[in-house]
Amino acid sequence: MNQEQMWKQCSLCKKPIGFSTTYWACSVSTCNRKRFPLFFCSVQCWDAHVPQERHREAWAIEKRSPSREEVEQTSVKQASAAQAEASALASAADAPKEILVVASRYQGYLGERLGAECRVERSLLHRLSEALRELCDDGIVKARADGRKTLMARDLPKPAPAPASEMLIVVTKVKEYVRSAAGMNTSGDVAELLSAHLRSWTHEAARRALREEREQVQVSDFL
């Protein structure tokens, strides 16, 4: 089998495993790590690796390798995603870095969590805004990979639960940032999800401050 016909090498004997070919994998999760998965050309090779890895309980799983066309399609998608990510990062670097948080509302929400009036430093608002932009940047990459021109809530991770509040985000500035960074529209549910992330971060930061018997939060409480 020449190099062009080979999909992977057997992790034990190093024989080539071709495209659209039966191969075997191990049932143990440590043999299927994303960066270093193991592939076996035969059950005999799988069986020989068991004592080497000291598995207590394991079995061989029969699988079929992808076709050359499937591998090429995956490579194209990965290259497209990498290009989209690079483009998003380059665009985001040039986008305006405004404060995305409604200061007065945020101060009130934080004060409720601390149980006392508090003062919010401008440096904290800038740091929180930067964290919100990072969420947007990651979402932009996902939206571009899906071929969409609109950033949606499903492109962002779900936040940990926290007490509810009114909107803490300047919606227009979020939309302006996304348009400037990626030329995309922003769906209406994105700002609410960003606000939920901000509430979650603040709730945890306030709990940390209270545990340390402080009436003010610090930027380090959010890291």
N, C-alpha and C. Protein backbone atom coordinates (compact mmCIF):
# COMPACT_ATOMS: atom_id res chain seq x y z
N MET A 1 0.85 -1.20 0.00
CA MET A 1 0.00 0.00 0.00
C MET A 1 0.89 1.25 0.00
N ASN A 2 0.68 2.14 -0.96
CA ASN A 2 1.49 3.35 -1.00
C ASN A 2 0.92 4.42 -0.07
N GLN A 3 1.65 5.53 0.05
CA GLN A 3 1.28 6.58 0.99
C GLN A 3 -0.08 7.18 0.68
N GLU A 4 -0.42 7.29 -0.60
CA GLU A 4 -1.68 7.91 -1.00
C GLU A 4 -2.88 7.05 -0.62
N GLN A 5 -2.68 5.76 -0.45
CA GLN A 5 -3.77 4.85 -0.10
C GLN A 5 -3.92 4.66 1.41
N MET A 6 -2.99 5.22 2.18
CA MET A 6 -2.98 5.00 3.62
C MET A 6 -3.75 6.08 4.36
N TRP A 7 -4.62 5.63 5.27
CA TRP A 7 -5.35 6.57 6.14
C TRP A 7 -4.58 6.79 7.45
N LYS A 8 -4.24 5.70 8.15
CA LYS A 8 -3.48 5.76 9.38
C LYS A 8 -2.52 4.57 9.42
N GLN A 9 -1.63 4.58 10.41
CA GLN A 9 -0.78 3.43 10.68
C GLN A 9 -1.29 2.71 11.93
N CYS A 10 -1.15 1.41 11.95
CA CYS A 10 -1.49 0.65 13.15
C CYS A 10 -0.60 1.13 14.29
N SER A 11 -1.20 1.40 15.43
CA SER A 11 -0.45 1.94 16.56
C SER A 11 0.54 0.94 17.14
N LEU A 12 0.38 -0.35 16.81
CA LEU A 12 1.28 -1.37 17.36
C LEU A 12 2.31 -1.82 16.33
N CYS A 13 1.84 -2.38 15.22
CA CYS A 13 2.78 -2.96 14.24
C CYS A 13 3.20 -1.99 13.15
N LYS A 14 2.54 -0.83 13.10
CA LYS A 14 2.85 0.23 12.12
C LYS A 14 2.47 -0.12 10.69
N LYS A 15 1.71 -1.19 10.51
CA LYS A 15 1.22 -1.47 9.17
C LYS A 15 0.21 -0.42 8.75
N PRO A 16 0.11 -0.12 7.46
CA PRO A 16 -0.84 0.91 7.03
C PRO A 16 -2.29 0.43 7.12
N ILE A 17 -3.18 1.36 7.45
CA ILE A 17 -4.62 1.13 7.43
C ILE A 17 -5.18 2.01 6.33
N GLY A 18 -5.82 1.42 5.35
CA GLY A 18 -6.27 2.17 4.19
C GLY A 18 -7.59 2.89 4.41
N PHE A 19 -8.01 3.61 3.40
CA PHE A 19 -9.32 4.26 3.42
C PHE A 19 -10.41 3.21 3.24
N SER A 20 -11.58 3.47 3.82
CA SER A 20 -12.74 2.57 3.70
C SER A 20 -12.36 1.13 4.05
N THR A 21 -11.65 0.98 5.15
CA THR A 21 -11.13 -0.32 5.57
C THR A 21 -11.52 -0.59 7.02
N THR A 22 -11.74 -1.86 7.34
CA THR A 22 -12.04 -2.23 8.72
C THR A 22 -10.79 -2.09 9.58
N TYR A 23 -10.95 -1.50 10.73
CA TYR A 23 -9.87 -1.43 11.71
C TYR A 23 -10.50 -1.58 13.10
N TRP A 24 -9.66 -1.62 14.13
CA TRP A 24 -10.18 -1.83 15.49
C TRP A 24 -9.69 -0.72 16.41
N ALA A 25 -10.56 -0.33 17.32
CA ALA A 25 -10.24 0.66 18.35
C ALA A 25 -10.42 0.00 19.71
N CYS A 26 -9.85 0.63 20.73
CA CYS A 26 -9.96 0.11 22.09
C CYS A 26 -11.14 0.76 22.80
N SER A 27 -11.79 0.01 23.66
CA SER A 27 -12.95 0.53 24.40
C SER A 27 -12.56 1.48 25.52
N VAL A 28 -11.30 1.47 25.92
CA VAL A 28 -10.86 2.28 27.05
C VAL A 28 -10.65 3.73 26.60
N SER A 29 -11.20 4.67 27.36
CA SER A 29 -11.20 6.07 26.94
C SER A 29 -9.79 6.64 26.78
N THR A 30 -8.83 6.20 27.60
CA THR A 30 -7.48 6.74 27.49
C THR A 30 -6.79 6.36 26.18
N CYS A 31 -7.33 5.36 25.50
CA CYS A 31 -6.78 4.98 24.18
C CYS A 31 -7.46 5.74 23.05
N ASN A 32 -8.38 6.63 23.42
CA ASN A 32 -9.11 7.38 22.40
C ASN A 32 -9.06 8.87 22.65
N ARG A 33 -7.95 9.33 23.20
CA ARG A 33 -7.78 10.76 23.39
C ARG A 33 -7.78 11.46 22.04
N LYS A 34 -8.32 12.67 22.03
CA LYS A 34 -8.49 13.39 20.78
C LYS A 34 -7.17 13.60 20.05
N ARG A 35 -6.12 13.92 20.79
CA ARG A 35 -4.83 14.22 20.16
C ARG A 35 -4.04 12.96 19.82
N PHE A 36 -4.21 11.89 20.62
CA PHE A 36 -3.40 10.69 20.41
C PHE A 36 -4.25 9.42 20.48
N PRO A 37 -5.20 9.27 19.57
CA PRO A 37 -6.00 8.04 19.56
C PRO A 37 -5.20 6.87 19.02
N LEU A 38 -5.58 5.66 19.42
CA LEU A 38 -4.90 4.45 18.95
C LEU A 38 -5.76 3.76 17.90
N PHE A 39 -5.10 3.24 16.86
CA PHE A 39 -5.76 2.51 15.78
C PHE A 39 -5.05 1.17 15.60
N PHE A 40 -5.81 0.10 15.37
CA PHE A 40 -5.22 -1.23 15.23
C PHE A 40 -5.70 -1.88 13.95
N CYS A 41 -4.76 -2.50 13.25
CA CYS A 41 -5.10 -3.12 11.96
C CYS A 41 -5.77 -4.48 12.14
N SER A 42 -5.65 -5.06 13.34
CA SER A 42 -6.23 -6.39 13.58
C SER A 42 -6.55 -6.55 15.06
N VAL A 43 -7.37 -7.54 15.37
CA VAL A 43 -7.68 -7.84 16.76
C VAL A 43 -6.42 -8.31 17.48
N GLN A 44 -5.54 -9.00 16.75
CA GLN A 44 -4.31 -9.49 17.36
C GLN A 44 -3.43 -8.32 17.85
N CYS A 45 -3.37 -7.26 17.04
CA CYS A 45 -2.59 -6.08 17.47
C CYS A 45 -3.26 -5.40 18.66
N TRP A 46 -4.59 -5.31 18.62
CA TRP A 46 -5.28 -4.73 19.78
C TRP A 46 -5.00 -5.57 21.02
N ASP A 47 -5.09 -6.90 20.89
CA ASP A 47 -4.90 -7.80 22.02
C ASP A 47 -3.49 -7.64 22.60
N ALA A 48 -2.50 -7.41 21.73
CA ALA A 48 -1.12 -7.28 22.19
C ALA A 48 -0.90 -5.99 22.97
N HIS A 49 -1.71 -4.96 22.72
CA HIS A 49 -1.50 -3.68 23.41
C HIS A 49 -2.11 -3.68 24.82
N VAL A 50 -3.04 -4.61 25.10
CA VAL A 50 -3.75 -4.61 26.38
C VAL A 50 -2.80 -4.74 27.57
N PRO A 51 -1.88 -5.72 27.59
CA PRO A 51 -0.96 -5.80 28.74
C PRO A 51 0.00 -4.61 28.81
N GLN A 52 0.33 -4.03 27.65
CA GLN A 52 1.21 -2.87 27.66
C GLN A 52 0.56 -1.68 28.37
N GLU A 53 -0.74 -1.51 28.12
CA GLU A 53 -1.47 -0.39 28.72
C GLU A 53 -2.05 -0.74 30.09
N ARG A 54 -1.92 -2.01 30.48
CA ARG A 54 -2.39 -2.48 31.78
C ARG A 54 -3.89 -2.27 31.97
N HIS A 55 -4.65 -2.56 30.93
CA HIS A 55 -6.10 -2.45 31.04
C HIS A 55 -6.65 -3.59 31.90
N ARG A 56 -7.53 -3.26 32.81
CA ARG A 56 -8.18 -4.29 33.61
C ARG A 56 -9.37 -4.90 32.87
N GLU A 57 -10.08 -4.05 32.16
CA GLU A 57 -11.25 -4.51 31.41
C GLU A 57 -11.31 -3.73 30.10
N ALA A 58 -11.25 -4.42 29.00
CA ALA A 58 -11.25 -3.75 27.70
C ALA A 58 -11.72 -4.72 26.63
N TRP A 59 -12.19 -4.17 25.53
CA TRP A 59 -12.56 -4.98 24.38
C TRP A 59 -12.29 -4.21 23.10
N ALA A 60 -12.15 -4.95 22.03
CA ALA A 60 -11.88 -4.34 20.72
C ALA A 60 -13.19 -3.94 20.07
N ILE A 61 -13.20 -2.76 19.47
CA ILE A 61 -14.39 -2.24 18.78
C ILE A 61 -14.09 -2.19 17.28
N GLU A 62 -14.88 -2.90 16.51
CA GLU A 62 -14.67 -2.90 15.06
C GLU A 62 -15.22 -1.61 14.47
N LYS A 63 -14.41 -0.98 13.65
CA LYS A 63 -14.82 0.26 12.99
C LYS A 63 -14.42 0.24 11.53
N ARG A 64 -14.85 1.26 10.81
CA ARG A 64 -14.49 1.37 9.41
C ARG A 64 -13.90 2.76 9.17
N SER A 65 -12.76 2.80 8.54
CA SER A 65 -12.10 4.08 8.29
C SER A 65 -12.87 4.88 7.24
N PRO A 66 -12.75 6.19 7.25
CA PRO A 66 -13.47 7.01 6.28
C PRO A 66 -12.90 6.85 4.87
N SER A 67 -13.67 7.24 3.90
CA SER A 67 -13.18 7.22 2.53
C SER A 67 -12.25 8.40 2.30
N ARG A 68 -11.50 8.35 1.21
CA ARG A 68 -10.61 9.47 0.91
C ARG A 68 -11.41 10.77 0.75
N GLU A 69 -12.58 10.66 0.11
CA GLU A 69 -13.42 11.84 -0.11
C GLU A 69 -13.86 12.45 1.22
N GLU A 70 -14.22 11.59 2.19
CA GLU A 70 -14.65 12.09 3.50
C GLU A 70 -13.51 12.80 4.22
N VAL A 71 -12.32 12.25 4.11
CA VAL A 71 -11.15 12.88 4.75
C VAL A 71 -10.87 14.23 4.11
N GLU A 72 -10.96 14.30 2.78
CA GLU A 72 -10.71 15.56 2.09
C GLU A 72 -11.75 16.60 2.46
N GLN A 73 -13.02 16.18 2.57
CA GLN A 73 -14.07 17.12 2.95
C GLN A 73 -13.84 17.65 4.36
N THR A 74 -13.42 16.77 5.27
CA THR A 74 -13.13 17.18 6.64
C THR A 74 -11.98 18.18 6.67
N SER A 75 -10.96 17.94 5.84
CA SER A 75 -9.81 18.84 5.78
C SER A 75 -10.22 20.22 5.28
N VAL A 76 -11.11 20.24 4.29
CA VAL A 76 -11.60 21.51 3.75
C VAL A 76 -12.37 22.28 4.82
N LYS A 77 -13.23 21.57 5.57
CA LYS A 77 -14.01 22.22 6.63
C LYS A 77 -13.11 22.76 7.73
N GLN A 78 -12.08 21.98 8.10
CA GLN A 78 -11.16 22.43 9.14
C GLN A 78 -10.37 23.65 8.68
N ALA A 79 -9.95 23.64 7.41
CA ALA A 79 -9.22 24.79 6.88
C ALA A 79 -10.11 26.02 6.83
N SER A 80 -11.38 25.81 6.46
CA SER A 80 -12.33 26.92 6.41
C SER A 80 -12.57 27.50 7.80
N ALA A 81 -12.70 26.60 8.79
CA ALA A 81 -12.91 27.05 10.17
C ALA A 81 -11.70 27.81 10.69
N ALA A 82 -10.50 27.32 10.36
CA ALA A 82 -9.28 28.00 10.80
C ALA A 82 -9.15 29.37 10.15
N GLN A 83 -9.51 29.45 8.86
CA GLN A 83 -9.47 30.72 8.16
C GLN A 83 -10.48 31.70 8.74
N ALA A 84 -11.67 31.17 9.08
CA ALA A 84 -12.71 32.02 9.66
C ALA A 84 -12.27 32.54 11.02
N GLU A 85 -11.61 31.68 11.80
CA GLU A 85 -11.13 32.10 13.11
C GLU A 85 -10.06 33.17 12.99
N ALA A 86 -9.13 32.98 12.05
CA ALA A 86 -8.07 33.96 11.85
C ALA A 86 -8.65 35.29 11.39
N SER A 87 -9.63 35.21 10.50
CA SER A 87 -10.27 36.42 10.01
C SER A 87 -11.02 37.14 11.11
N ALA A 88 -11.71 36.36 11.96
CA ALA A 88 -12.46 36.95 13.06
C ALA A 88 -11.53 37.64 14.04
N LEU A 89 -10.39 37.01 14.34
CA LEU A 89 -9.44 37.59 15.28
C LEU A 89 -8.83 38.87 14.72
N ALA A 90 -8.54 38.86 13.41
CA ALA A 90 -7.96 40.05 12.78
C ALA A 90 -8.96 41.20 12.78
N SER A 91 -10.22 40.88 12.46
CA SER A 91 -11.25 41.92 12.44
C SER A 91 -11.53 42.44 13.84
N ALA A 92 -11.58 41.52 14.80
CA ALA A 92 -11.87 41.92 16.17
C ALA A 92 -10.79 42.84 16.73
N ALA A 93 -9.55 42.63 16.28
CA ALA A 93 -8.45 43.46 16.77
C ALA A 93 -8.62 44.92 16.36
N ASP A 94 -9.29 45.14 15.22
CA ASP A 94 -9.49 46.49 14.72
C ASP A 94 -10.81 47.11 15.17
N ALA A 95 -11.67 46.32 15.78
CA ALA A 95 -12.99 46.81 16.20
C ALA A 95 -12.85 47.71 17.43
N PRO A 96 -13.76 48.67 17.59
CA PRO A 96 -13.69 49.58 18.75
C PRO A 96 -13.85 48.84 20.07
N LYS A 97 -13.13 49.29 21.09
CA LYS A 97 -13.16 48.62 22.40
C LYS A 97 -13.91 49.51 23.40
N GLU A 98 -15.21 49.60 23.23
CA GLU A 98 -16.03 50.41 24.12
C GLU A 98 -16.52 49.58 25.30
N ILE A 99 -16.98 50.27 26.34
CA ILE A 99 -17.58 49.59 27.48
C ILE A 99 -18.96 49.11 27.07
N LEU A 100 -19.23 47.82 27.24
CA LEU A 100 -20.49 47.21 26.82
C LEU A 100 -21.48 47.06 27.96
N VAL A 101 -21.10 47.48 29.16
CA VAL A 101 -21.91 47.27 30.35
C VAL A 101 -22.62 48.57 30.74
N VAL A 102 -23.90 48.47 31.10
CA VAL A 102 -24.65 49.62 31.62
C VAL A 102 -24.19 49.82 33.06
N ALA A 103 -23.36 50.84 33.29
CA ALA A 103 -22.67 51.00 34.57
C ALA A 103 -23.64 51.11 35.75
N SER A 104 -24.67 51.93 35.62
CA SER A 104 -25.57 52.15 36.75
C SER A 104 -26.34 50.89 37.11
N ARG A 105 -26.82 50.17 36.11
CA ARG A 105 -27.55 48.93 36.38
C ARG A 105 -26.62 47.88 36.96
N TYR A 106 -25.42 47.82 36.42
CA TYR A 106 -24.47 46.82 36.91
C TYR A 106 -24.09 47.10 38.36
N GLN A 107 -23.89 48.36 38.69
CA GLN A 107 -23.55 48.72 40.07
C GLN A 107 -24.67 48.31 41.01
N GLY A 108 -25.93 48.52 40.59
CA GLY A 108 -27.06 48.11 41.42
C GLY A 108 -27.12 46.61 41.60
N TYR A 109 -26.87 45.87 40.52
CA TYR A 109 -26.91 44.40 40.60
C TYR A 109 -25.82 43.88 41.51
N LEU A 110 -24.63 44.44 41.36
CA LEU A 110 -23.52 44.01 42.21
C LEU A 110 -23.79 44.34 43.67
N GLY A 111 -24.36 45.53 43.92
CA GLY A 111 -24.68 45.91 45.29
C GLY A 111 -25.67 44.95 45.93
N GLU A 112 -26.64 44.48 45.15
CA GLU A 112 -27.60 43.50 45.66
C GLU A 112 -26.91 42.20 46.03
N ARG A 113 -25.95 41.79 45.24
CA ARG A 113 -25.24 40.54 45.53
C ARG A 113 -24.37 40.68 46.79
N LEU A 114 -23.81 41.89 46.99
CA LEU A 114 -22.94 42.11 48.14
C LEU A 114 -23.72 42.51 49.38
N GLY A 115 -24.97 42.93 49.19
CA GLY A 115 -25.77 43.36 50.32
C GLY A 115 -25.37 44.71 50.85
N ALA A 116 -24.76 45.52 50.01
CA ALA A 116 -24.32 46.86 50.44
C ALA A 116 -24.06 47.70 49.20
N GLU A 117 -24.12 49.02 49.37
CA GLU A 117 -23.78 49.89 48.25
C GLU A 117 -22.30 49.69 47.90
N CYS A 118 -22.01 49.82 46.63
CA CYS A 118 -20.62 49.60 46.21
C CYS A 118 -20.27 50.56 45.08
N ARG A 119 -18.99 50.66 44.83
CA ARG A 119 -18.48 51.48 43.74
C ARG A 119 -17.83 50.56 42.72
N VAL A 120 -18.14 50.76 41.44
CA VAL A 120 -17.57 49.94 40.38
C VAL A 120 -16.51 50.74 39.65
N GLU A 121 -15.29 50.25 39.69
CA GLU A 121 -14.19 50.93 39.01
C GLU A 121 -14.33 50.79 37.50
N ARG A 122 -13.91 51.82 36.79
CA ARG A 122 -13.97 51.80 35.32
C ARG A 122 -13.11 50.67 34.75
N SER A 123 -12.01 50.37 35.43
CA SER A 123 -11.13 49.29 34.96
C SER A 123 -11.87 47.95 34.96
N LEU A 124 -12.76 47.76 35.93
CA LEU A 124 -13.54 46.52 35.98
C LEU A 124 -14.53 46.46 34.82
N LEU A 125 -15.16 47.58 34.52
CA LEU A 125 -16.10 47.62 33.40
C LEU A 125 -15.38 47.31 32.08
N HIS A 126 -14.16 47.80 31.94
CA HIS A 126 -13.38 47.51 30.73
C HIS A 126 -13.03 46.02 30.67
N ARG A 127 -12.65 45.45 31.80
CA ARG A 127 -12.28 44.03 31.81
C ARG A 127 -13.49 43.15 31.51
N LEU A 128 -14.63 43.48 32.07
CA LEU A 128 -15.84 42.71 31.79
C LEU A 128 -16.25 42.86 30.34
N SER A 129 -16.11 44.05 29.80
CA SER A 129 -16.45 44.27 28.39
C SER A 129 -15.54 43.46 27.48
N GLU A 130 -14.27 43.37 27.86
CA GLU A 130 -13.33 42.57 27.07
C GLU A 130 -13.72 41.09 27.10
N ALA A 131 -14.15 40.61 28.26
CA ALA A 131 -14.59 39.22 28.37
C ALA A 131 -15.84 38.98 27.53
N LEU A 132 -16.73 39.94 27.48
CA LEU A 132 -17.94 39.82 26.65
C LEU A 132 -17.57 39.81 25.17
N ARG A 133 -16.60 40.63 24.78
CA ARG A 133 -16.16 40.62 23.38
C ARG A 133 -15.52 39.29 23.01
N GLU A 134 -14.79 38.69 23.95
CA GLU A 134 -14.19 37.38 23.68
C GLU A 134 -15.27 36.33 23.43
N LEU A 135 -16.37 36.40 24.16
CA LEU A 135 -17.49 35.49 23.90
C LEU A 135 -18.05 35.72 22.50
N CYS A 136 -18.19 36.99 22.14
CA CYS A 136 -18.69 37.32 20.80
C CYS A 136 -17.74 36.80 19.72
N ASP A 137 -16.44 36.97 19.95
CA ASP A 137 -15.45 36.53 18.97
C ASP A 137 -15.54 35.02 18.73
N ASP A 138 -15.68 34.25 19.80
CA ASP A 138 -15.81 32.80 19.67
C ASP A 138 -17.10 32.45 18.93
N GLY A 139 -18.16 33.19 19.24
CA GLY A 139 -19.43 32.95 18.55
C GLY A 139 -19.36 33.29 17.08
N ILE A 140 -18.62 34.34 16.74
CA ILE A 140 -18.46 34.74 15.34
C ILE A 140 -17.78 33.63 14.54
N VAL A 141 -16.78 33.01 15.16
CA VAL A 141 -16.09 31.91 14.48
C VAL A 141 -17.07 30.77 14.17
N LYS A 142 -17.92 30.43 15.13
CA LYS A 142 -18.90 29.35 14.92
C LYS A 142 -19.91 29.72 13.85
N ALA A 143 -20.38 30.96 13.89
CA ALA A 143 -21.36 31.39 12.90
C ALA A 143 -20.77 31.36 11.50
N ARG A 144 -19.53 31.80 11.37
CA ARG A 144 -18.87 31.77 10.06
C ARG A 144 -18.66 30.34 9.58
N ALA A 145 -18.29 29.46 10.49
CA ALA A 145 -18.10 28.06 10.11
C ALA A 145 -19.39 27.44 9.60
N ASP A 146 -20.53 27.93 10.11
CA ASP A 146 -21.84 27.44 9.65
C ASP A 146 -22.32 28.17 8.41
N GLY A 147 -21.53 29.13 7.94
CA GLY A 147 -21.91 29.87 6.73
C GLY A 147 -23.00 30.90 6.97
N ARG A 148 -23.15 31.35 8.24
CA ARG A 148 -24.18 32.32 8.56
C ARG A 148 -23.60 33.73 8.68
N LYS A 149 -24.45 34.73 8.45
CA LYS A 149 -24.06 36.12 8.57
C LYS A 149 -24.73 36.80 9.76
N THR A 150 -25.27 35.97 10.65
CA THR A 150 -25.91 36.49 11.86
C THR A 150 -25.38 35.73 13.07
N LEU A 151 -24.92 36.48 14.06
CA LEU A 151 -24.50 35.88 15.32
C LEU A 151 -25.75 35.56 16.13
N MET A 152 -25.86 34.32 16.60
CA MET A 152 -27.03 33.88 17.33
C MET A 152 -26.63 33.37 18.71
N ALA A 153 -27.61 33.29 19.61
CA ALA A 153 -27.33 32.83 20.97
C ALA A 153 -26.76 31.42 20.99
N ARG A 154 -27.15 30.60 20.03
CA ARG A 154 -26.66 29.22 20.01
C ARG A 154 -25.17 29.15 19.70
N ASP A 155 -24.58 30.26 19.23
CA ASP A 155 -23.14 30.29 18.97
C ASP A 155 -22.34 30.54 20.23
N LEU A 156 -23.01 30.87 21.33
CA LEU A 156 -22.34 31.18 22.58
C LEU A 156 -22.59 30.07 23.60
N PRO A 157 -21.66 29.85 24.54
CA PRO A 157 -21.89 28.83 25.58
C PRO A 157 -22.98 29.29 26.54
N LYS A 158 -23.55 28.33 27.25
CA LYS A 158 -24.56 28.66 28.25
C LYS A 158 -23.88 29.07 29.55
N PRO A 159 -24.37 30.12 30.19
CA PRO A 159 -23.76 30.56 31.45
C PRO A 159 -24.28 29.76 32.64
N ALA A 160 -23.56 29.82 33.73
CA ALA A 160 -24.04 29.23 34.98
C ALA A 160 -25.21 30.07 35.50
N PRO A 161 -26.16 29.46 36.19
CA PRO A 161 -27.32 30.22 36.67
C PRO A 161 -26.93 31.27 37.70
N ALA A 162 -27.70 32.36 37.70
CA ALA A 162 -27.49 33.45 38.65
C ALA A 162 -28.80 34.20 38.81
N PRO A 163 -28.98 34.95 39.90
CA PRO A 163 -30.21 35.72 40.09
C PRO A 163 -30.49 36.64 38.91
N ALA A 164 -31.77 36.76 38.53
CA ALA A 164 -32.17 37.54 37.37
C ALA A 164 -32.04 39.04 37.63
N SER A 165 -32.05 39.79 36.54
CA SER A 165 -32.01 41.25 36.63
C SER A 165 -32.47 41.82 35.30
N GLU A 166 -32.57 43.15 35.24
CA GLU A 166 -32.83 43.78 33.96
C GLU A 166 -31.58 43.67 33.10
N MET A 167 -31.71 44.06 31.84
CA MET A 167 -30.60 43.97 30.91
C MET A 167 -29.40 44.79 31.40
N LEU A 168 -28.23 44.14 31.47
CA LEU A 168 -27.02 44.81 31.95
C LEU A 168 -26.08 45.21 30.81
N ILE A 169 -26.49 44.88 29.59
CA ILE A 169 -25.63 45.10 28.42
C ILE A 169 -26.18 46.25 27.58
N VAL A 170 -25.28 47.05 27.01
CA VAL A 170 -25.69 48.08 26.04
C VAL A 170 -25.87 47.38 24.70
N VAL A 171 -27.12 47.08 24.36
CA VAL A 171 -27.42 46.25 23.20
C VAL A 171 -26.86 46.85 21.92
N THR A 172 -27.02 48.15 21.73
CA THR A 172 -26.56 48.77 20.49
C THR A 172 -25.05 48.66 20.32
N LYS A 173 -24.31 48.76 21.43
CA LYS A 173 -22.85 48.67 21.34
C LYS A 173 -22.40 47.24 21.02
N VAL A 174 -23.12 46.24 21.53
CA VAL A 174 -22.81 44.86 21.18
C VAL A 174 -23.00 44.64 19.69
N LYS A 175 -24.13 45.12 19.16
CA LYS A 175 -24.40 44.97 17.73
C LYS A 175 -23.37 45.71 16.89
N GLU A 176 -22.97 46.90 17.35
CA GLU A 176 -21.96 47.67 16.63
C GLU A 176 -20.62 46.93 16.63
N TYR A 177 -20.28 46.31 17.75
CA TYR A 177 -19.02 45.58 17.83
C TYR A 177 -19.02 44.40 16.86
N VAL A 178 -20.09 43.61 16.87
CA VAL A 178 -20.16 42.43 16.01
C VAL A 178 -20.12 42.84 14.54
N ARG A 179 -20.82 43.92 14.19
CA ARG A 179 -20.80 44.38 12.80
C ARG A 179 -19.43 44.89 12.41
N SER A 180 -18.77 45.60 13.31
CA SER A 180 -17.44 46.12 13.02
C SER A 180 -16.41 45.00 12.95
N ALA A 181 -16.54 44.01 13.84
CA ALA A 181 -15.56 42.92 13.91
C ALA A 181 -15.73 41.90 12.80
N ALA A 182 -16.99 41.68 12.38
CA ALA A 182 -17.24 40.56 11.46
C ALA A 182 -18.19 40.89 10.31
N GLY A 183 -18.76 42.08 10.31
CA GLY A 183 -19.73 42.41 9.26
C GLY A 183 -21.00 41.59 9.39
N MET A 184 -21.33 41.19 10.62
CA MET A 184 -22.49 40.33 10.86
C MET A 184 -23.60 41.09 11.56
N ASN A 185 -24.81 40.58 11.40
CA ASN A 185 -25.93 41.02 12.21
C ASN A 185 -25.91 40.26 13.53
N THR A 186 -26.67 40.72 14.50
CA THR A 186 -26.75 40.07 15.81
C THR A 186 -28.20 39.82 16.15
N SER A 187 -28.55 38.59 16.43
CA SER A 187 -29.93 38.27 16.79
C SER A 187 -30.26 38.84 18.16
N GLY A 188 -31.56 39.07 18.41
CA GLY A 188 -31.97 39.73 19.63
C GLY A 188 -31.66 38.98 20.91
N ASP A 189 -31.50 37.66 20.83
CA ASP A 189 -31.27 36.88 22.05
C ASP A 189 -29.80 36.86 22.49
N VAL A 190 -28.90 37.41 21.68
CA VAL A 190 -27.48 37.40 22.04
C VAL A 190 -27.22 38.31 23.24
N ALA A 191 -27.80 39.52 23.23
CA ALA A 191 -27.56 40.45 24.32
C ALA A 191 -28.06 39.89 25.65
N GLU A 192 -29.20 39.23 25.65
CA GLU A 192 -29.72 38.66 26.89
C GLU A 192 -28.79 37.55 27.40
N LEU A 193 -28.24 36.75 26.48
CA LEU A 193 -27.32 35.69 26.90
C LEU A 193 -26.02 36.29 27.44
N LEU A 194 -25.53 37.35 26.81
CA LEU A 194 -24.34 38.03 27.33
C LEU A 194 -24.63 38.62 28.72
N SER A 195 -25.81 39.18 28.88
CA SER A 195 -26.20 39.72 30.17
C SER A 195 -26.24 38.61 31.22
N ALA A 196 -26.70 37.43 30.82
CA ALA A 196 -26.75 36.29 31.74
C ALA A 196 -25.33 35.86 32.13
N HIS A 197 -24.40 35.89 31.19
CA HIS A 197 -23.00 35.59 31.52
C HIS A 197 -22.46 36.60 32.53
N LEU A 198 -22.76 37.87 32.30
CA LEU A 198 -22.29 38.91 33.20
C LEU A 198 -22.87 38.72 34.60
N ARG A 199 -24.14 38.38 34.69
CA ARG A 199 -24.74 38.10 36.00
C ARG A 199 -24.06 36.92 36.68
N SER A 200 -23.76 35.88 35.90
CA SER A 200 -23.12 34.69 36.46
C SER A 200 -21.73 35.01 37.00
N TRP A 201 -20.93 35.74 36.21
CA TRP A 201 -19.59 36.12 36.67
C TRP A 201 -19.67 36.95 37.94
N THR A 202 -20.62 37.88 37.96
CA THR A 202 -20.74 38.81 39.08
C THR A 202 -21.22 38.08 40.33
N HIS A 203 -22.14 37.17 40.16
CA HIS A 203 -22.65 36.39 41.29
C HIS A 203 -21.51 35.62 41.96
N GLU A 204 -20.67 34.98 41.17
CA GLU A 204 -19.55 34.21 41.73
C GLU A 204 -18.50 35.14 42.34
N ALA A 205 -18.25 36.28 41.70
CA ALA A 205 -17.26 37.22 42.23
C ALA A 205 -17.73 37.79 43.57
N ALA A 206 -19.02 38.09 43.68
CA ALA A 206 -19.56 38.62 44.93
C ALA A 206 -19.48 37.57 46.05
N ARG A 207 -19.76 36.33 45.71
CA ARG A 207 -19.66 35.26 46.71
C ARG A 207 -18.21 35.13 47.20
N ARG A 208 -17.27 35.27 46.29
CA ARG A 208 -15.86 35.18 46.68
C ARG A 208 -15.49 36.34 47.62
N ALA A 209 -15.97 37.53 47.27
CA ALA A 209 -15.67 38.69 48.11
C ALA A 209 -16.28 38.54 49.50
N LEU A 210 -17.50 38.04 49.57
CA LEU A 210 -18.16 37.87 50.86
C LEU A 210 -17.47 36.80 51.71
N ARG A 211 -16.98 35.76 51.06
CA ARG A 211 -16.25 34.74 51.82
C ARG A 211 -15.01 35.31 52.48
N GLU A 212 -14.43 36.31 51.80
CA GLU A 212 -13.22 36.95 52.33
C GLU A 212 -13.56 38.20 53.13
N GLU A 213 -14.86 38.37 53.42
CA GLU A 213 -15.35 39.47 54.25
C GLU A 213 -14.98 40.83 53.67
N ARG A 214 -15.14 40.94 52.36
CA ARG A 214 -14.91 42.22 51.67
C ARG A 214 -16.24 42.76 51.16
N GLU A 215 -16.38 44.09 51.15
CA GLU A 215 -17.59 44.72 50.64
C GLU A 215 -17.40 45.24 49.22
N GLN A 216 -16.22 45.03 48.66
CA GLN A 216 -15.94 45.44 47.29
C GLN A 216 -15.35 44.25 46.53
N VAL A 217 -15.71 44.15 45.26
CA VAL A 217 -15.10 43.12 44.42
C VAL A 217 -13.86 43.69 43.74
N GLN A 218 -12.98 42.81 43.35
CA GLN A 218 -11.76 43.18 42.64
C GLN A 218 -11.77 42.49 41.28
N VAL A 219 -10.97 43.04 40.37
CA VAL A 219 -10.87 42.43 39.05
C VAL A 219 -10.45 40.98 39.16
N SER A 220 -9.57 40.69 40.12
CA SER A 220 -9.08 39.32 40.30
C SER A 220 -10.18 38.35 40.70
N ASP A 221 -11.29 38.86 41.26
CA ASP A 221 -12.41 37.99 41.63
C ASP A 221 -13.10 37.39 40.41
N PHE A 222 -12.87 37.99 39.25
CA PHE A 222 -13.54 37.53 38.04
C PHE A 222 -12.65 36.60 37.21
N LEU A 223 -11.41 36.39 37.63
CA LEU A 223 -10.45 35.61 36.82
C LEU A 223 -10.41 34.17 37.29
